PDB file of N, CA and C in Angstrom:
ATOM      1  N   MET A   1      90.040 117.771 118.420  1.00  0.00           N
ATOM      2  CA  MET A   1      90.939 117.269 119.428  1.00  0.00           C
ATOM      3  C   MET A   1      92.204 118.123 119.409  1.00  0.00           C
ATOM      4  N   LYS A   2      92.603 118.589 120.557  1.00  0.00           N
ATOM      5  CA  LYS A   2      93.816 119.398 120.667  1.00  0.00           C
ATOM      6  C   LYS A   2      94.952 118.527 121.186  1.00  0.00           C
ATOM      7  N   LEU A   3      96.058 118.567 120.481  1.00  0.00           N
ATOM      8  CA  LEU A   3      97.217 117.802 120.915  1.00  0.00           C
ATOM      9  C   LEU A   3      97.963 118.574 121.985  1.00  0.00           C
ATOM     10  N   VAL A   4      98.362 117.873 123.009  1.00  0.00           N
ATOM     11  CA  VAL A   4      99.131 118.478 124.086  1.00  0.00           C
ATOM     12  C   VAL A   4     100.594 118.460 123.686  1.00  0.00           C
ATOM     13  N   GLU A   5     101.221 119.614 123.778  1.00  0.00           N
ATOM     14  CA  GLU A   5     102.635 119.673 123.441  1.00  0.00           C
ATOM     15  C   GLU A   5     103.455 119.349 124.677  1.00  0.00           C
ATOM     16  N   LYS A   6     104.074 118.195 124.642  1.00  0.00           N
ATOM     17  CA  LYS A   6     104.926 117.760 125.733  1.00  0.00           C
ATOM     18  C   LYS A   6     105.954 116.810 125.156  1.00  0.00           C
ATOM     19  N   PRO A   7     107.038 116.613 125.847  1.00  0.00           N
ATOM     20  CA  PRO A   7     108.009 115.641 125.334  1.00  0.00           C
ATOM     21  C   PRO A   7     107.459 114.220 125.509  1.00  0.00           C
ATOM     22  N   PHE A   8     107.464 113.469 124.443  1.00  0.00           N
ATOM     23  CA  PHE A   8     106.991 112.098 124.490  1.00  0.00           C
ATOM     24  C   PHE A   8     108.176 111.154 124.636  1.00  0.00           C
ATOM     25  N   THR A   9     107.935 110.048 125.293  1.00  0.00           N
ATOM     26  CA  THR A   9     108.983 109.057 125.476  1.00  0.00           C
ATOM     27  C   THR A   9     108.820 107.938 124.448  1.00  0.00           C
ATOM     28  N   LYS A  10     109.826 107.109 124.388  1.00  0.00           N
ATOM     29  CA  LYS A  10     109.769 105.931 123.535  1.00  0.00           C
ATOM     30  C   LYS A  10     108.592 105.049 123.946  1.00  0.00           C
ATOM     31  N   GLU A  11     108.356 104.936 125.243  1.00  0.00           N
ATOM     32  CA  GLU A  11     107.231 104.138 125.758  1.00  0.00           C
ATOM     33  C   GLU A  11     105.903 104.717 125.274  1.00  0.00           C
ATOM     34  N   ASP A  12     105.775 106.043 125.263  1.00  0.00           N
ATOM     35  CA  ASP A  12     104.565 106.691 124.754  1.00  0.00           C
ATOM     36  C   ASP A  12     104.332 106.333 123.289  1.00  0.00           C
ATOM     37  N   ALA A  13     105.415 106.341 122.503  1.00  0.00           N
ATOM     38  CA  ALA A  13     105.312 106.044 121.078  1.00  0.00           C
ATOM     39  C   ALA A  13     104.885 104.595 120.846  1.00  0.00           C
ATOM     40  N   VAL A  14     105.447 103.668 121.605  1.00  0.00           N
ATOM     41  CA  VAL A  14     105.070 102.255 121.468  1.00  0.00           C
ATOM     42  C   VAL A  14     103.603 102.067 121.853  1.00  0.00           C
ATOM     43  N   GLU A  15     103.167 102.718 122.906  1.00  0.00           N
ATOM     44  CA  GLU A  15     101.768 102.626 123.328  1.00  0.00           C
ATOM     45  C   GLU A  15     100.844 103.212 122.254  1.00  0.00           C
ATOM     46  N   ALA A  16     101.251 104.314 121.638  1.00  0.00           N
ATOM     47  CA  ALA A  16     100.451 104.915 120.571  1.00  0.00           C
ATOM     48  C   ALA A  16     100.324 103.956 119.388  1.00  0.00           C
ATOM     49  N   LEU A  17     101.421 103.294 119.024  1.00  0.00           N
ATOM     50  CA  LEU A  17     101.366 102.316 117.931  1.00  0.00           C
ATOM     51  C   LEU A  17     100.441 101.158 118.262  1.00  0.00           C
ATOM     52  N   GLU A  18     100.458 100.707 119.499  1.00  0.00           N
ATOM     53  CA  GLU A  18      99.574  99.615 119.911  1.00  0.00           C
ATOM     54  C   GLU A  18      98.112 100.043 119.807  1.00  0.00           C
ATOM     55  N   THR A  19      97.829 101.298 120.145  1.00  0.00           N
ATOM     56  CA  THR A  19      96.467 101.822 120.024  1.00  0.00           C
ATOM     57  C   THR A  19      96.044 101.870 118.557  1.00  0.00           C
ATOM     58  N   ILE A  20      96.932 102.370 117.708  1.00  0.00           N
ATOM     59  CA  ILE A  20      96.636 102.416 116.275  1.00  0.00           C
ATOM     60  C   ILE A  20      96.382 101.012 115.742  1.00  0.00           C
ATOM     61  N   ASP A  21      97.215 100.069 116.135  1.00  0.00           N
ATOM     62  CA  ASP A  21      97.068  98.686 115.689  1.00  0.00           C
ATOM     63  C   ASP A  21      95.720  98.117 116.119  1.00  0.00           C
ATOM     64  N   THR A  22      95.279  98.445 117.319  1.00  0.00           N
ATOM     65  CA  THR A  22      93.981  97.981 117.810  1.00  0.00           C
ATOM     66  C   THR A  22      92.849  98.519 116.945  1.00  0.00           C
ATOM     67  N   TYR A  23      92.902  99.811 116.621  1.00  0.00           N
ATOM     68  CA  TYR A  23      91.866 100.399 115.771  1.00  0.00           C
ATOM     69  C   TYR A  23      91.885  99.816 114.364  1.00  0.00           C
ATOM     70  N   VAL A  24      93.063  99.571 113.815  1.00  0.00           N
ATOM     71  CA  VAL A  24      93.167  98.958 112.494  1.00  0.00           C
ATOM     72  C   VAL A  24      92.538  97.565 112.526  1.00  0.00           C
ATOM     73  N   ASP A  25      92.800  96.804 113.580  1.00  0.00           N
ATOM     74  CA  ASP A  25      92.203  95.477 113.718  1.00  0.00           C
ATOM     75  C   ASP A  25      90.681  95.564 113.764  1.00  0.00           C
ATOM     76  N   MET A  26      90.153  96.547 114.490  1.00  0.00           N
ATOM     77  CA  MET A  26      88.694  96.710 114.583  1.00  0.00           C
ATOM     78  C   MET A  26      88.108  97.037 113.212  1.00  0.00           C
ATOM     79  N   LEU A  27      88.761  97.918 112.455  1.00  0.00           N
ATOM     80  CA  LEU A  27      88.275  98.262 111.125  1.00  0.00           C
ATOM     81  C   LEU A  27      88.329  97.054 110.191  1.00  0.00           C
ATOM     82  N   ASP A  28      89.378  96.232 110.339  1.00  0.00           N
ATOM     83  CA  ASP A  28      89.491  95.026 109.526  1.00  0.00           C
ATOM     84  C   ASP A  28      88.349  94.057 109.837  1.00  0.00           C
ATOM     85  N   TRP A  29      88.059  93.848 111.109  1.00  0.00           N
ATOM     86  CA  TRP A  29      86.986  92.937 111.499  1.00  0.00           C
ATOM     87  C   TRP A  29      85.627  93.417 110.997  1.00  0.00           C
ATOM     88  N   GLN A  30      85.467  94.724 110.888  1.00  0.00           N
ATOM     89  CA  GLN A  30      84.202  95.282 110.397  1.00  0.00           C
ATOM     90  C   GLN A  30      84.120  95.265 108.877  1.00  0.00           C
ATOM     91  N   GLY A  31      85.193  94.854 108.218  1.00  0.00           N
ATOM     92  CA  GLY A  31      85.207  94.776 106.760  1.00  0.00           C
ATOM     93  C   GLY A  31      85.388  96.121 106.084  1.00  0.00           C
ATOM     94  N   ILE A  32      85.876  97.098 106.807  1.00  0.00           N
ATOM     95  CA  ILE A  32      86.054  98.437 106.256  1.00  0.00           C
ATOM     96  C   ILE A  32      87.368  98.544 105.476  1.00  0.00           C
ATOM     97  N   ILE A  33      88.344  97.761 105.853  1.00  0.00           N
ATOM     98  CA  ILE A  33      89.658  97.790 105.202  1.00  0.00           C
ATOM     99  C   ILE A  33      89.812  96.515 104.374  1.00  0.00           C
ATOM    100  N   ASP A  34      90.220  96.670 103.118  1.00  0.00           N
ATOM    101  CA  ASP A  34      90.440  95.469 102.317  1.00  0.00           C
ATOM    102  C   ASP A  34      91.830  94.900 102.601  1.00  0.00           C
ATOM    103  N   SER A  35      92.104  93.736 102.083  1.00  0.00           N
ATOM    104  CA  SER A  35      93.336  93.028 102.446  1.00  0.00           C
ATOM    105  C   SER A  35      94.593  93.772 101.990  1.00  0.00           C
ATOM    106  N   ASP A  36      94.558  94.431 100.839  1.00  0.00           N
ATOM    107  CA  ASP A  36      95.732  95.190 100.389  1.00  0.00           C
ATOM    108  C   ASP A  36      96.008  96.370 101.308  1.00  0.00           C
ATOM    109  N   GLU A  37      94.954  97.075 101.712  1.00  0.00           N
ATOM    110  CA  GLU A  37      95.110  98.200 102.636  1.00  0.00           C
ATOM    111  C   GLU A  37      95.628  97.715 103.987  1.00  0.00           C
ATOM    112  N   LEU A  38      95.098  96.589 104.441  1.00  0.00           N
ATOM    113  CA  LEU A  38      95.534  96.029 105.714  1.00  0.00           C
ATOM    114  C   LEU A  38      97.011  95.648 105.662  1.00  0.00           C
ATOM    115  N   ASP A  39      97.424  95.040 104.570  1.00  0.00           N
ATOM    116  CA  ASP A  39      98.840  94.667 104.418  1.00  0.00           C
ATOM    117  C   ASP A  39      99.735  95.909 104.451  1.00  0.00           C
ATOM    118  N   GLU A  40      99.306  96.969 103.756  1.00  0.00           N
ATOM    119  CA  GLU A  40     100.100  98.193 103.723  1.00  0.00           C
ATOM    120  C   GLU A  40     100.169  98.840 105.106  1.00  0.00           C
ATOM    121  N   LEU A  41      99.042  98.891 105.801  1.00  0.00           N
ATOM    122  CA  LEU A  41      99.019  99.460 107.153  1.00  0.00           C
ATOM    123  C   LEU A  41      99.885  98.644 108.104  1.00  0.00           C
ATOM    124  N   THR A  42      99.779  97.332 108.022  1.00  0.00           N
ATOM    125  CA  THR A  42     100.558  96.458 108.892  1.00  0.00           C
ATOM    126  C   THR A  42     102.051  96.641 108.653  1.00  0.00           C
ATOM    127  N   LEU A  43     102.452  96.736 107.397  1.00  0.00           N
ATOM    128  CA  LEU A  43     103.859  96.954 107.063  1.00  0.00           C
ATOM    129  C   LEU A  43     104.347  98.281 107.645  1.00  0.00           C
ATOM    130  N   ASN A  44     103.567  99.334 107.462  1.00  0.00           N
ATOM    131  CA  ASN A  44     103.981 100.640 107.956  1.00  0.00           C
ATOM    132  C   ASN A  44     104.031 100.694 109.476  1.00  0.00           C
ATOM    133  N   ILE A  45     103.106 100.043 110.144  1.00  0.00           N
ATOM    134  CA  ILE A  45     103.139  99.970 111.601  1.00  0.00           C
ATOM    135  C   ILE A  45     104.384  99.216 112.053  1.00  0.00           C
ATOM    136  N   SER A  46     104.725  98.147 111.361  1.00  0.00           N
ATOM    137  CA  SER A  46     105.920  97.368 111.704  1.00  0.00           C
ATOM    138  C   SER A  46     107.194  98.185 111.526  1.00  0.00           C
ATOM    139  N   ILE A  47     107.250  98.978 110.449  1.00  0.00           N
ATOM    140  CA  ILE A  47     108.412  99.833 110.212  1.00  0.00           C
ATOM    141  C   ILE A  47     108.555 100.839 111.347  1.00  0.00           C
ATOM    142  N   LEU A  48     107.453 101.495 111.700  1.00  0.00           N
ATOM    143  CA  LEU A  48     107.493 102.477 112.790  1.00  0.00           C
ATOM    144  C   LEU A  48     107.872 101.833 114.112  1.00  0.00           C
ATOM    145  N   GLU A  49     107.302 100.667 114.382  1.00  0.00           N
ATOM    146  CA  GLU A  49     107.605  99.981 115.644  1.00  0.00           C
ATOM    147  C   GLU A  49     109.084  99.620 115.717  1.00  0.00           C
ATOM    148  N   SER A  50     109.630  99.114 114.621  1.00  0.00           N
ATOM    149  CA  SER A  50     111.053  98.763 114.591  1.00  0.00           C
ATOM    150  C   SER A  50     111.922 100.000 114.819  1.00  0.00           C
ATOM    151  N   PHE A  51     111.576 101.096 114.170  1.00  0.00           N
ATOM    152  CA  PHE A  51     112.332 102.324 114.329  1.00  0.00           C
ATOM    153  C   PHE A  51     112.278 102.820 115.771  1.00  0.00           C
ATOM    154  N   ILE A  52     111.068 102.850 116.332  1.00  0.00           N
ATOM    155  CA  ILE A  52     110.903 103.360 117.702  1.00  0.00           C
ATOM    156  C   ILE A  52     111.662 102.495 118.703  1.00  0.00           C
ATOM    157  N   ARG A  53     111.607 101.204 118.540  1.00  0.00           N
ATOM    158  CA  ARG A  53     112.292 100.316 119.495  1.00  0.00           C
ATOM    159  C   ARG A  53     113.814 100.467 119.419  1.00  0.00           C
ATOM    160  N   ASN A  54     114.323 100.947 118.276  1.00  0.00           N
ATOM    161  CA  ASN A  54     115.770 101.141 118.136  1.00  0.00           C
ATOM    162  C   ASN A  54     116.238 102.545 118.523  1.00  0.00           C
ATOM    163  N   VAL A  55     115.296 103.418 118.818  1.00  0.00           N
ATOM    164  CA  VAL A  55     115.664 104.783 119.239  1.00  0.00           C
ATOM    165  C   VAL A  55     116.146 104.733 120.686  1.00  0.00           C
ATOM    166  N   LYS A  56     117.233 105.423 120.930  1.00  0.00           N
ATOM    167  CA  LYS A  56     117.750 105.488 122.297  1.00  0.00           C
ATOM    168  C   LYS A  56     116.995 106.546 123.065  1.00  0.00           C
ATOM    169  N   GLU A  57     116.812 106.303 124.340  1.00  0.00           N
ATOM    170  CA  GLU A  57     116.124 107.274 125.205  1.00  0.00           C
ATOM    171  C   GLU A  57     117.001 108.467 125.428  1.00  0.00           C
TER     172      GLU A  57
END
């Protein structure tokens, strides 16, 4: 997969986090991620989301 180099917006970043969260949820439902890993991923997603929402455009 080739990443496109373009300026991303805060909205793009929030949408990307939502996509990541969806995939993490799918892996959890399939039993691929254990509860400790899920807790760590959830915490890190929350940290990123909080940071992104506080970034000024």
